[in-house]
Amino acid sequence: MQSLLGSLNFACRVVVPGRAFCRRLIDSTIGLNKPHYRIRITSNIKADLLMWKSFLKNFNGLTLMPDRLWTSNEALEFYTDSAGGSTLGFGIYFKGRWAHGLWPRTWHKRGLLSNITFLELFPVMVAIILWGSELRNKKVLFHIDNEGAVHIINKKSSKSSDVMVLVRRLVLETLHHNILIKADHVPVVPFPEPSTKCISDTNSNSEPSMDSITEESARLFSDSLAGNTWKSYSRARSVLDSFQLLYTLDKVWPVPVEQLVQFIAYLSLKHFSPATVRLYISGISFSHKERNLEDTTKNFVVSKMLEGLHRNHPQRDNRAPVTLPLLRQITDALPSICSSTYESLLFKSSFILAFFAMLRVSEFTTKNKSDSSTEALQLSDVVVSDCQLKINIKKSKTDQRGYSTFIVINKYRDNANICPVLTLKKYLAARPAVSGCYHLFMHFDGSPLTRYQLSAMLRKSVNFCNIPNPNLLKSHSFRIGAATEASKRGINDETIKKWGRWSSGAFERYIRIPW
């Protein structure tokens, strides 16, 4: 046993997670005074040895150095959860992909469904089995609200034989992909995830239950910020967690001012942009307020460090405007690069409308093909007449509450080829009627126009036309170009601000002299 342990401990210098499976072997030698004494090999020791055998069978003796920093599961968009109960189960989400399952009936008979630690570990194990290859050489930090599961993931050991079955398989998978995992305990937040049920579903004559009130409070709190803002704030906490782990700093709330100062300096040395650093500090500030704690981000020194960061790294928006001649040029190129006449008409109408309506890309395209939200322009939001185009923008960056804004665009008589009214009429005549597809801009198969597709086609058009500095033209260049063109034509600032739906003086940065 001692000889075997010597070999395995040597291997653990490379195969770090394997150390947990030497523990029981070491314990078996405790109290034995003579090297010839016999040791009873228990079922748990056998299971540990079989785990080693399974791994070493395909191990070539080489392991790459894992990432230096620990990456939280939030940063990886890697989530697992489970719910006890004979009719419930578990769910896993990883970067847009998901898996779920119900607990087997046999588990209910064996009493496993009452072991919440077992149930919390199971989806973690399944997630690593499914997508471990995509986490190769990473250090993954899981945030888990079950203290027992946290302890077991960190120690790779448990007194429960059932739990050890999961732990051994979990470690075996991490060994195969050279993944290091650890867990951090997070208490249940005061606002739980909102339920899909609505209070209005209950009997209107009865008073809502306390569970319904709690769910509604969570929903209202969740709806107070946009989805992208929640995502950015989550990223801020994740980066702070990684920083604290890297330098072995205490994780306490409120975050000490000294830590915040060090955190800002760290981000500066890592060449994060001043805007990103300020966004992360805003996220930490929100977390303080959410917990009803003193907001240490408002400290004088912290504020001055952020100001110093902006002074040392002034941000310049290098995006070039799409001018009217350029708009004509890139739309004329579309028939040569699009796969069909309809696709050419789709992108031409979207380019032209983006310019003349000063649209943000989020106002007329979707995040991805499966995005079913109605925030992007719908067919019902547009009314076209012979000489006029009316658009209803239900929600935008400066209208988060959805009061709606109506835009009226007249015919562009200087050039019929880029007239928004004529182009959109031609597109709507060609647009197929696909059941259940209501987005204004969609492909012939009914899938919506996405932001990535719009940017990709703009890039292809610009490259096809051999336009100088093509990397400076982005999807936002239509909006920049429209503001610049309006200013050139003598439109006053207040009108431009109203047309572009700006709530501040930020529009002034969009008015530029075309290159």
Protein backbone atom coordinates (compact mmCIF):
# COMPACT_ATOMS: atom_id res chain seq x y z
CA MET A 1 0.00 0.00 0.00
CA GLN A 2 2.82 2.43 0.84
CA SER A 3 4.58 1.62 -2.43
CA LEU A 4 1.37 2.22 -4.38
CA LEU A 5 0.78 5.48 -2.50
CA GLY A 6 4.29 6.65 -3.38
CA SER A 7 3.57 6.18 -7.08
CA LEU A 8 0.15 7.77 -6.93
CA ASN A 9 1.39 10.77 -4.93
CA PHE A 10 4.08 11.30 -7.55
CA ALA A 11 1.42 11.16 -10.28
CA CYS A 12 -0.65 13.71 -8.35
CA ARG A 13 2.04 16.32 -8.94
CA VAL A 14 0.64 16.36 -12.49
CA VAL A 15 -2.87 14.96 -11.93
CA VAL A 16 -3.84 17.32 -9.10
CA PRO A 17 -7.51 16.26 -8.61
CA GLY A 18 -6.34 12.70 -7.99
CA ARG A 19 -5.11 13.60 -4.49
CA ALA A 20 -8.62 13.16 -3.12
CA PHE A 21 -8.49 9.51 -4.12
CA CYS A 22 -5.35 8.84 -2.15
CA ARG A 23 -6.98 9.91 1.11
CA ARG A 24 -8.70 6.61 1.89
CA LEU A 25 -5.59 4.66 0.90
CA ILE A 26 -3.51 6.73 3.33
CA ASP A 27 -6.09 6.32 6.09
CA SER A 28 -5.93 2.54 5.65
CA THR A 29 -2.28 2.56 6.81
CA ILE A 30 -2.95 4.51 10.01
CA GLY A 31 -2.20 2.50 13.17
CA LEU A 32 -0.14 -0.19 11.40
CA ASN A 33 3.34 -0.47 12.90
CA LYS A 34 4.86 -3.16 10.70
CA PRO A 35 5.16 -3.07 6.89
CA HIS A 36 4.02 -6.72 6.59
CA TYR A 37 0.68 -6.14 8.37
CA ARG A 38 -2.36 -6.87 6.25
CA ILE A 39 -4.95 -4.21 5.31
CA ARG A 40 -8.60 -4.87 4.56
CA ILE A 41 -9.50 -3.35 1.21
CA THR A 42 -12.97 -1.86 1.68
CA SER A 43 -15.49 -1.24 -1.07
CA ASN A 44 -14.67 2.47 -1.00
CA ILE A 45 -10.95 1.81 -1.43
CA LYS A 46 -11.74 -0.54 -4.31
CA ALA A 47 -13.85 2.15 -5.94
CA ASP A 48 -11.00 4.67 -5.61
CA LEU A 49 -8.53 2.23 -7.14
CA LEU A 50 -10.92 1.50 -10.01
CA MET A 51 -11.20 5.24 -10.64
CA TRP A 52 -7.41 5.46 -10.91
CA LYS A 53 -7.31 2.41 -13.18
CA SER A 54 -9.95 3.83 -15.49
CA PHE A 55 -8.09 7.14 -15.81
CA LEU A 56 -4.55 5.77 -16.16
CA LYS A 57 -5.62 3.33 -18.87
CA ASN A 58 -5.84 6.22 -21.39
CA PHE A 59 -3.48 8.75 -19.76
CA ASN A 60 -0.30 9.51 -21.69
CA GLY A 61 1.52 11.04 -18.72
CA LEU A 62 1.25 14.62 -19.94
CA THR A 63 -0.95 17.42 -18.60
CA LEU A 64 -1.06 21.00 -19.85
CA MET A 65 -0.84 23.82 -17.34
CA PRO A 66 -4.40 24.98 -16.61
CA ASP A 67 -5.51 28.61 -16.84
CA ARG A 68 -3.94 30.86 -14.25
CA LEU A 69 -7.20 32.46 -13.15
CA TRP A 70 -10.34 30.82 -11.83
CA THR A 71 -13.36 31.48 -14.04
CA SER A 72 -16.77 31.53 -12.41
CA ASN A 73 -19.64 29.53 -13.85
CA GLU A 74 -21.51 32.84 -14.41
CA ALA A 75 -18.73 34.09 -16.70
CA LEU A 76 -18.89 30.81 -18.62
CA GLU A 77 -22.72 30.97 -18.76
CA PHE A 78 -22.69 27.53 -17.12
CA TYR A 79 -25.53 26.89 -14.69
CA THR A 80 -26.94 23.82 -12.94
CA ASP A 81 -29.81 23.40 -10.52
CA SER A 82 -32.08 20.72 -9.12
CA ALA A 83 -35.36 20.44 -7.25
CA GLY A 84 -36.26 17.64 -4.84
CA GLY A 85 -39.49 15.76 -5.21
CA SER A 86 -40.67 12.63 -6.99
CA THR A 87 -42.18 14.66 -9.87
CA LEU A 88 -39.27 17.10 -10.24
CA GLY A 89 -35.73 16.89 -11.58
CA PHE A 90 -32.72 18.92 -12.70
CA GLY A 91 -31.69 21.42 -15.37
CA ILE A 92 -28.40 22.50 -17.00
CA TYR A 93 -27.61 25.54 -19.18
CA PHE A 94 -24.38 26.18 -21.08
CA LYS A 95 -24.02 29.05 -23.57
CA GLY A 96 -27.44 28.69 -25.17
CA ARG A 97 -27.60 24.90 -24.87
CA TRP A 98 -29.52 23.08 -22.20
CA ALA A 99 -30.42 19.68 -20.81
CA HIS A 100 -32.90 18.52 -18.21
CA GLY A 101 -34.37 15.35 -16.76
CA LEU A 102 -36.70 13.89 -14.14
CA TRP A 103 -35.47 11.87 -11.17
CA PRO A 104 -35.81 8.09 -11.71
CA ARG A 105 -38.57 6.39 -9.72
CA THR A 106 -36.03 3.98 -8.24
CA TRP A 107 -34.28 6.91 -6.57
CA HIS A 108 -37.49 7.79 -4.76
CA LYS A 109 -37.76 4.22 -3.45
CA ARG A 110 -34.12 4.28 -2.30
CA GLY A 111 -34.62 7.58 -0.46
CA LEU A 112 -32.12 9.47 -2.62
CA LEU A 113 -34.56 12.31 -3.27
CA SER A 114 -34.29 13.36 0.36
CA ASN A 115 -30.50 13.80 -0.02
CA ILE A 116 -30.36 17.37 -1.38
CA THR A 117 -26.55 17.27 -1.57
CA PHE A 118 -26.75 14.26 -3.90
CA LEU A 119 -29.35 16.03 -6.04
CA GLU A 120 -27.26 19.23 -6.27
CA LEU A 121 -24.13 17.31 -7.33
CA PHE A 122 -25.84 15.20 -9.97
CA PRO A 123 -26.43 18.00 -12.57
CA VAL A 124 -22.85 19.26 -12.01
CA MET A 125 -21.56 15.80 -12.91
CA VAL A 126 -23.86 15.54 -15.95
CA ALA A 127 -22.83 19.02 -17.14
CA ILE A 128 -19.12 18.09 -17.06
CA ILE A 129 -19.87 14.84 -18.92
CA LEU A 130 -21.80 16.73 -21.63
CA TRP A 131 -19.57 19.76 -22.14
CA GLY A 132 -16.31 19.02 -20.35
CA SER A 133 -14.39 19.02 -23.63
CA GLU A 134 -15.25 22.73 -24.06
CA LEU A 135 -13.87 23.53 -20.61
CA ARG A 136 -10.52 21.82 -21.21
CA ASN A 137 -7.59 23.26 -19.20
CA LYS A 138 -9.84 25.67 -17.29
CA LYS A 139 -10.23 26.39 -13.60
CA VAL A 140 -13.97 26.57 -12.96
CA LEU A 141 -15.46 28.13 -9.83
CA PHE A 142 -19.05 27.07 -9.14
CA HIS A 143 -21.30 29.25 -7.01
CA ILE A 144 -23.64 26.90 -5.14
CA ASP A 145 -26.21 27.66 -2.44
CA ASN A 146 -25.87 24.22 -0.78
CA GLU A 147 -23.04 24.19 1.76
CA GLY A 148 -22.83 20.39 1.74
CA ALA A 149 -22.29 20.30 -2.03
CA VAL A 150 -19.67 23.06 -1.76
CA HIS A 151 -17.73 21.10 0.87
CA ILE A 152 -17.85 17.87 -1.15
CA ILE A 153 -16.75 19.49 -4.43
CA ASN A 154 -13.80 21.14 -2.67
CA LYS A 155 -12.77 18.05 -0.65
CA LYS A 156 -13.74 15.47 -3.31
CA SER A 157 -14.91 13.26 -0.49
CA SER A 158 -18.08 12.32 1.38
CA LYS A 159 -19.19 9.85 4.03
CA SER A 160 -22.15 8.92 1.81
CA SER A 161 -21.41 6.02 -0.55
CA ASP A 162 -24.14 7.26 -2.91
CA VAL A 163 -22.58 10.71 -3.13
CA MET A 164 -19.12 9.21 -3.68
CA VAL A 165 -20.41 7.45 -6.80
CA LEU A 166 -21.10 10.91 -8.27
CA VAL A 167 -17.86 12.42 -6.95
CA ARG A 168 -15.69 9.70 -8.51
CA ARG A 169 -17.35 10.06 -11.90
CA LEU A 170 -17.13 13.85 -11.67
CA VAL A 171 -13.41 13.76 -10.86
CA LEU A 172 -12.77 11.18 -13.56
CA GLU A 173 -14.32 13.50 -16.16
CA THR A 174 -12.32 16.50 -14.91
CA LEU A 175 -9.14 14.43 -15.09
CA HIS A 176 -9.85 13.46 -18.69
CA HIS A 177 -10.23 17.12 -19.70
CA ASN A 178 -7.66 18.62 -17.28
CA ILE A 179 -10.29 20.73 -15.53
CA LEU A 180 -9.86 21.98 -11.98
CA ILE A 181 -13.12 22.69 -10.16
CA LYS A 182 -13.92 24.24 -6.84
CA ALA A 183 -17.07 25.69 -5.29
CA ASP A 184 -17.96 28.78 -3.35
CA HIS A 185 -21.03 29.01 -1.14
CA VAL A 186 -23.51 31.78 -1.91
CA PRO A 187 -26.46 32.32 0.43
CA VAL A 188 -29.95 32.37 -1.02
CA VAL A 189 -30.63 35.94 -2.14
CA PRO A 190 -33.61 37.75 -0.65
CA PHE A 191 -35.22 37.90 -4.08
CA PRO A 192 -35.67 34.40 -5.54
CA GLU A 193 -35.94 33.76 -9.25
CA PRO A 194 -39.36 34.87 -10.48
CA SER A 195 -41.87 32.19 -11.33
CA THR A 196 -43.52 31.92 -14.72
CA LYS A 197 -46.87 31.81 -12.96
CA CYS A 198 -48.78 35.03 -12.66
CA ILE A 199 -50.84 36.17 -9.73
CA SER A 200 -53.73 36.86 -12.08
CA ASP A 201 -53.94 33.10 -12.67
CA THR A 202 -55.31 32.66 -9.17
CA ASN A 203 -58.90 33.09 -8.16
CA SER A 204 -59.55 36.85 -8.31
CA ASN A 205 -61.90 36.60 -5.33
CA SER A 206 -59.21 35.18 -3.03
CA GLU A 207 -56.20 36.91 -1.53
CA PRO A 208 -52.83 36.03 -3.11
CA SER A 209 -50.67 33.60 -1.16
CA MET A 210 -47.39 34.70 0.41
CA ASP A 211 -45.54 32.59 -2.17
CA SER A 212 -47.28 34.56 -4.94
CA ILE A 213 -46.36 37.84 -3.26
CA THR A 214 -42.71 36.73 -3.01
CA GLU A 215 -42.69 35.67 -6.65
CA GLU A 216 -44.22 38.96 -7.75
CA SER A 217 -41.68 40.98 -5.75
CA ALA A 218 -38.89 39.00 -7.43
CA ARG A 219 -40.40 39.59 -10.87
CA LEU A 220 -40.75 43.34 -10.30
CA PHE A 221 -37.19 43.60 -9.01
CA SER A 222 -35.90 41.59 -11.99
CA ASP A 223 -37.79 43.80 -14.44
CA SER A 224 -36.24 46.95 -12.98
CA LEU A 225 -33.16 46.50 -15.18
CA ALA A 226 -32.64 45.43 -18.76
CA GLY A 227 -31.38 41.90 -19.40
CA ASN A 228 -28.01 43.13 -20.71
CA THR A 229 -27.54 45.22 -17.57
CA TRP A 230 -28.14 42.18 -15.34
CA LYS A 231 -25.62 40.27 -17.43
CA SER A 232 -23.01 43.05 -17.13
CA TYR A 233 -23.48 43.31 -13.36
CA SER A 234 -23.14 39.54 -13.01
CA ARG A 235 -19.92 39.71 -15.02
CA ALA A 236 -18.66 42.46 -12.67
CA ARG A 237 -19.15 40.24 -9.61
CA SER A 238 -17.49 37.34 -11.42
CA VAL A 239 -14.38 39.37 -12.28
CA LEU A 240 -14.22 40.64 -8.68
CA ASP A 241 -14.46 37.03 -7.43
CA SER A 242 -11.57 35.99 -9.68
CA PHE A 243 -9.48 38.95 -8.48
CA GLN A 244 -10.12 38.07 -4.82
CA LEU A 245 -9.25 34.43 -5.43
CA LEU A 246 -6.08 35.29 -7.32
CA TYR A 247 -4.72 37.46 -4.49
CA THR A 248 -6.35 35.48 -1.61
CA LEU A 249 -8.39 38.45 -0.43
CA ASP A 250 -11.32 38.12 1.96
CA LYS A 251 -14.74 37.94 0.32
CA VAL A 252 -16.81 40.29 2.40
CA TRP A 253 -19.69 42.68 1.78
CA PRO A 254 -19.53 45.61 1.72
CA VAL A 255 -16.32 45.34 -0.29
CA PRO A 256 -13.56 47.21 1.60
CA VAL A 257 -12.42 50.46 -0.01
CA GLU A 258 -8.84 49.16 -0.09
CA GLN A 259 -9.96 46.16 -2.16
CA LEU A 260 -11.88 48.39 -4.57
CA VAL A 261 -8.81 50.58 -5.05
CA GLN A 262 -6.67 47.50 -5.72
CA PHE A 263 -9.36 46.09 -8.03
CA ILE A 264 -9.43 49.26 -10.18
CA ALA A 265 -5.62 49.28 -10.37
CA TYR A 266 -5.68 45.60 -11.37
CA LEU A 267 -8.19 46.25 -14.17
CA SER A 268 -6.11 49.20 -15.38
CA LEU A 269 -2.96 47.04 -15.57
CA LYS A 270 -4.98 44.39 -17.44
CA HIS A 271 -5.83 47.13 -19.99
CA PHE A 272 -9.58 47.15 -19.39
CA SER A 273 -11.20 50.21 -20.94
CA PRO A 274 -12.29 53.02 -18.59
CA ALA A 275 -15.92 52.46 -19.64
CA THR A 276 -15.72 48.76 -18.70
CA VAL A 277 -14.10 49.53 -15.34
CA ARG A 278 -16.81 52.09 -14.55
CA LEU A 279 -19.48 49.55 -15.55
CA TYR A 280 -17.97 46.93 -13.22
CA ILE A 281 -17.87 49.40 -10.33
CA SER A 282 -21.53 50.24 -11.05
CA GLY A 283 -22.33 46.54 -10.84
CA ILE A 284 -20.60 46.26 -7.46
CA SER A 285 -22.44 49.39 -6.33
CA PHE A 286 -25.75 47.79 -7.28
CA SER A 287 -24.85 44.65 -5.31
CA HIS A 288 -24.25 46.80 -2.21
CA LYS A 289 -27.63 48.48 -2.57
CA GLU A 290 -29.34 45.16 -3.29
CA ARG A 291 -28.01 43.84 0.01
CA ASN A 292 -28.95 47.10 1.80
CA LEU A 293 -25.30 47.72 2.70
CA GLU A 294 -23.11 50.81 2.74
CA ASP A 295 -22.01 51.56 -0.84
CA THR A 296 -18.22 51.77 -0.61
CA THR A 297 -17.91 52.48 -4.35
CA LYS A 298 -18.93 56.09 -3.59
CA ASN A 299 -15.75 56.63 -1.61
CA PHE A 300 -13.75 59.75 -2.61
CA VAL A 301 -10.60 57.78 -3.51
CA VAL A 302 -12.54 55.29 -5.64
CA SER A 303 -14.23 58.13 -7.56
CA LYS A 304 -10.91 59.88 -8.17
CA MET A 305 -9.27 56.67 -9.41
CA LEU A 306 -12.03 56.25 -11.98
CA GLU A 307 -11.54 59.87 -13.03
CA GLY A 308 -7.79 59.28 -13.35
CA LEU A 309 -8.41 56.21 -15.48
CA HIS A 310 -10.51 58.26 -17.91
CA ARG A 311 -7.92 61.03 -18.06
CA ASN A 312 -5.08 58.62 -18.83
CA HIS A 313 -7.06 56.63 -21.38
CA PRO A 314 -9.41 58.96 -23.25
CA GLN A 315 -11.90 56.98 -25.29
CA ARG A 316 -12.32 57.92 -28.93
CA ASP A 317 -15.19 56.62 -31.01
CA ASN A 318 -13.53 55.84 -34.35
CA ARG A 319 -16.66 54.57 -36.06
CA ALA A 320 -17.14 56.30 -39.39
CA PRO A 321 -20.51 57.57 -40.62
CA VAL A 322 -22.40 56.01 -43.52
CA THR A 323 -22.97 58.95 -45.87
CA LEU A 324 -25.70 59.12 -48.53
CA PRO A 325 -23.27 58.36 -51.41
CA LEU A 326 -21.83 55.48 -49.38
CA LEU A 327 -25.33 54.17 -48.63
CA ARG A 328 -26.06 54.10 -52.37
CA GLN A 329 -22.73 52.36 -53.03
CA ILE A 330 -23.12 49.52 -50.48
CA THR A 331 -26.78 48.86 -51.33
CA ASP A 332 -25.90 48.65 -55.05
CA ALA A 333 -23.32 45.99 -54.16
CA LEU A 334 -25.83 43.71 -52.42
CA PRO A 335 -27.08 41.84 -55.54
CA SER A 336 -23.50 40.76 -56.20
CA ILE A 337 -22.89 39.29 -52.74
CA CYS A 338 -26.30 38.06 -51.56
CA SER A 339 -27.50 34.51 -52.15
CA SER A 340 -30.82 35.57 -53.72
CA THR A 341 -32.81 38.53 -54.95
CA TYR A 342 -34.96 38.40 -51.82
CA GLU A 343 -31.91 38.47 -49.52
CA SER A 344 -30.58 41.46 -51.44
CA LEU A 345 -33.88 43.27 -50.98
CA LEU A 346 -34.00 42.33 -47.28
CA PHE A 347 -30.60 43.82 -46.50
CA LYS A 348 -31.13 46.84 -48.75
CA SER A 349 -34.36 47.80 -46.98
CA SER A 350 -32.81 47.22 -43.53
CA PHE A 351 -29.73 49.34 -44.39
CA ILE A 352 -31.84 52.20 -45.78
CA LEU A 353 -34.36 52.18 -42.93
CA ALA A 354 -31.54 52.08 -40.36
CA PHE A 355 -30.16 55.27 -41.93
CA PHE A 356 -33.32 57.31 -42.50
CA ALA A 357 -34.97 56.35 -39.17
CA MET A 358 -31.68 56.71 -37.21
CA LEU A 359 -32.32 53.23 -35.80
CA ARG A 360 -30.23 51.49 -33.19
CA VAL A 361 -29.43 47.95 -34.30
CA SER A 362 -31.40 46.55 -31.34
CA GLU A 363 -34.54 48.32 -32.58
CA PHE A 364 -34.89 46.35 -35.81
CA THR A 365 -32.84 43.13 -35.45
CA THR A 366 -32.88 40.24 -32.97
CA LYS A 367 -30.06 38.88 -30.79
CA ASN A 368 -30.20 35.47 -32.47
CA LYS A 369 -32.44 33.30 -34.63
CA SER A 370 -34.33 31.88 -31.65
CA ASP A 371 -35.03 35.28 -30.08
CA SER A 372 -38.84 35.45 -29.84
CA SER A 373 -39.04 38.86 -28.13
CA THR A 374 -41.14 41.58 -29.73
CA GLU A 375 -38.74 44.46 -29.03
CA ALA A 376 -37.41 44.49 -32.61
CA LEU A 377 -39.68 46.04 -35.23
CA GLN A 378 -42.69 43.89 -36.05
CA LEU A 379 -44.72 43.90 -39.25
CA SER A 380 -47.58 45.59 -37.38
CA ASP A 381 -45.29 48.47 -36.34
CA VAL A 382 -44.97 49.78 -39.91
CA VAL A 383 -47.54 51.52 -42.11
CA VAL A 384 -46.54 52.45 -45.67
CA SER A 385 -48.45 54.81 -47.93
CA ASP A 386 -47.56 56.23 -51.35
CA CYS A 387 -45.48 59.07 -50.00
CA GLN A 388 -44.93 58.33 -46.35
CA LEU A 389 -43.70 55.72 -43.92
CA LYS A 390 -44.88 55.52 -40.28
CA ILE A 391 -42.95 53.46 -37.72
CA ASN A 392 -43.84 52.65 -34.12
CA ILE A 393 -40.78 51.91 -31.98
CA LYS A 394 -42.29 50.23 -28.93
CA LYS A 395 -39.17 50.14 -26.79
CA SER A 396 -35.64 51.47 -27.04
CA LYS A 397 -32.51 52.23 -25.04
CA THR A 398 -33.98 55.54 -23.85
CA ASP A 399 -37.52 54.16 -23.50
CA GLN A 400 -37.10 51.14 -21.23
CA ARG A 401 -40.67 51.44 -19.95
CA GLY A 402 -42.09 51.05 -23.45
CA TYR A 403 -44.02 54.29 -23.90
CA SER A 404 -43.45 53.96 -27.68
CA THR A 405 -42.19 56.50 -30.19
CA PHE A 406 -43.72 57.21 -33.60
CA ILE A 407 -41.49 58.15 -36.52
CA VAL A 408 -42.75 59.58 -39.82
CA ILE A 409 -40.44 59.38 -42.85
CA ASN A 410 -41.32 61.06 -46.13
CA LYS A 411 -40.24 60.03 -49.60
CA TYR A 412 -36.62 60.80 -50.42
CA ARG A 413 -36.97 62.56 -53.75
CA ASP A 414 -33.25 63.20 -54.39
CA ASN A 415 -32.57 59.54 -55.22
CA ALA A 416 -35.31 56.94 -55.74
CA ASN A 417 -32.79 54.07 -55.42
CA ILE A 418 -32.32 54.73 -51.72
CA CYS A 419 -35.80 56.04 -50.94
CA PRO A 420 -36.98 54.34 -47.71
CA VAL A 421 -40.66 54.46 -48.71
CA LEU A 422 -40.21 52.89 -52.15
CA THR A 423 -37.65 50.33 -50.95
CA LEU A 424 -39.76 49.16 -48.03
CA LYS A 425 -42.87 48.89 -50.22
CA LYS A 426 -40.95 46.68 -52.62
CA TYR A 427 -39.62 44.55 -49.72
CA LEU A 428 -43.07 44.13 -48.12
CA ALA A 429 -44.48 43.01 -51.47
CA ALA A 430 -41.81 40.28 -51.65
CA ARG A 431 -41.90 39.31 -47.97
CA PRO A 432 -43.51 35.85 -47.58
CA ALA A 433 -46.38 35.26 -45.17
CA VAL A 434 -44.94 32.69 -42.77
CA SER A 435 -47.24 31.55 -39.95
CA GLY A 436 -46.05 32.72 -36.54
CA CYS A 437 -43.35 35.04 -37.94
CA TYR A 438 -44.11 38.68 -37.25
CA HIS A 439 -40.71 40.39 -37.38
CA LEU A 440 -40.52 43.12 -39.99
CA PHE A 441 -37.16 41.95 -41.31
CA MET A 442 -36.99 38.19 -41.82
CA HIS A 443 -35.43 35.70 -44.19
CA PHE A 444 -37.48 33.71 -46.69
CA ASP A 445 -37.66 30.74 -44.28
CA GLY A 446 -39.23 32.93 -41.59
CA SER A 447 -36.15 33.33 -39.36
CA PRO A 448 -35.57 36.91 -38.14
CA LEU A 449 -32.71 39.13 -39.23
CA THR A 450 -30.07 39.03 -36.50
CA ARG A 451 -27.53 41.64 -35.44
CA TYR A 452 -24.64 39.42 -36.44
CA GLN A 453 -26.07 38.89 -39.94
CA LEU A 454 -26.57 42.62 -40.46
CA SER A 455 -22.99 43.40 -39.39
CA ALA A 456 -21.59 40.57 -41.51
CA MET A 457 -23.41 41.72 -44.64
CA LEU A 458 -22.35 45.33 -44.07
CA ARG A 459 -18.74 44.16 -43.80
CA LYS A 460 -19.05 42.15 -47.04
CA SER A 461 -20.58 45.12 -48.88
CA VAL A 462 -17.87 47.50 -47.71
CA ASN A 463 -15.09 45.08 -48.69
CA PHE A 464 -16.72 44.45 -52.09
CA CYS A 465 -16.73 48.20 -52.77
CA ASN A 466 -13.07 48.55 -51.73
CA ILE A 467 -13.96 51.38 -49.36
CA PRO A 468 -10.99 52.82 -47.39
CA ASN A 469 -10.80 52.01 -43.68
CA PRO A 470 -13.52 49.33 -43.83
CA ASN A 471 -13.08 48.39 -40.16
CA LEU A 472 -14.41 51.80 -39.13
CA LEU A 473 -17.87 51.08 -40.56
CA LYS A 474 -20.11 49.28 -38.08
CA SER A 475 -23.84 48.71 -37.76
CA HIS A 476 -24.08 51.93 -35.71
CA SER A 477 -22.54 53.88 -38.61
CA PHE A 478 -26.01 54.26 -40.18
CA ARG A 479 -27.20 56.20 -37.12
CA ILE A 480 -23.99 58.24 -36.98
CA GLY A 481 -24.28 59.05 -40.68
CA ALA A 482 -27.90 60.14 -40.43
CA ALA A 483 -27.13 62.52 -37.54
CA THR A 484 -24.18 63.95 -39.47
CA GLU A 485 -26.26 64.41 -42.63
CA ALA A 486 -29.06 66.16 -40.70
CA SER A 487 -26.54 68.57 -39.16
CA LYS A 488 -25.02 69.30 -42.58
CA ARG A 489 -28.48 70.21 -43.86
CA GLY A 490 -28.97 72.77 -41.10
CA ILE A 491 -31.39 70.81 -38.88
CA ASN A 492 -31.30 72.24 -35.36
CA ASP A 493 -29.96 70.20 -32.44
CA GLU A 494 -33.29 69.74 -30.68
CA THR A 495 -34.86 68.25 -33.82
CA ILE A 496 -31.93 65.87 -34.37
CA LYS A 497 -32.15 64.85 -30.72
CA LYS A 498 -35.87 64.16 -31.11
CA TRP A 499 -35.49 62.25 -34.39
CA GLY A 500 -32.75 60.03 -32.95
CA ARG A 501 -34.53 59.50 -29.63
CA TRP A 502 -31.60 60.77 -27.58
CA SER A 503 -32.34 61.69 -23.97
CA SER A 504 -29.10 63.63 -23.44
CA GLY A 505 -26.49 65.59 -25.33
CA ALA A 506 -24.76 62.38 -26.44
CA PHE A 507 -25.99 62.97 -30.00
CA GLU A 508 -23.36 65.70 -30.40
CA ARG A 509 -20.65 63.01 -30.50
CA TYR A 510 -22.39 61.46 -33.52
CA ILE A 511 -22.11 64.55 -35.70
CA ARG A 512 -18.86 64.21 -37.64
CA ILE A 513 -17.25 65.38 -40.81
CA PRO A 514 -17.22 62.39 -43.22
CA TRP A 515 -13.78 61.15 -44.18
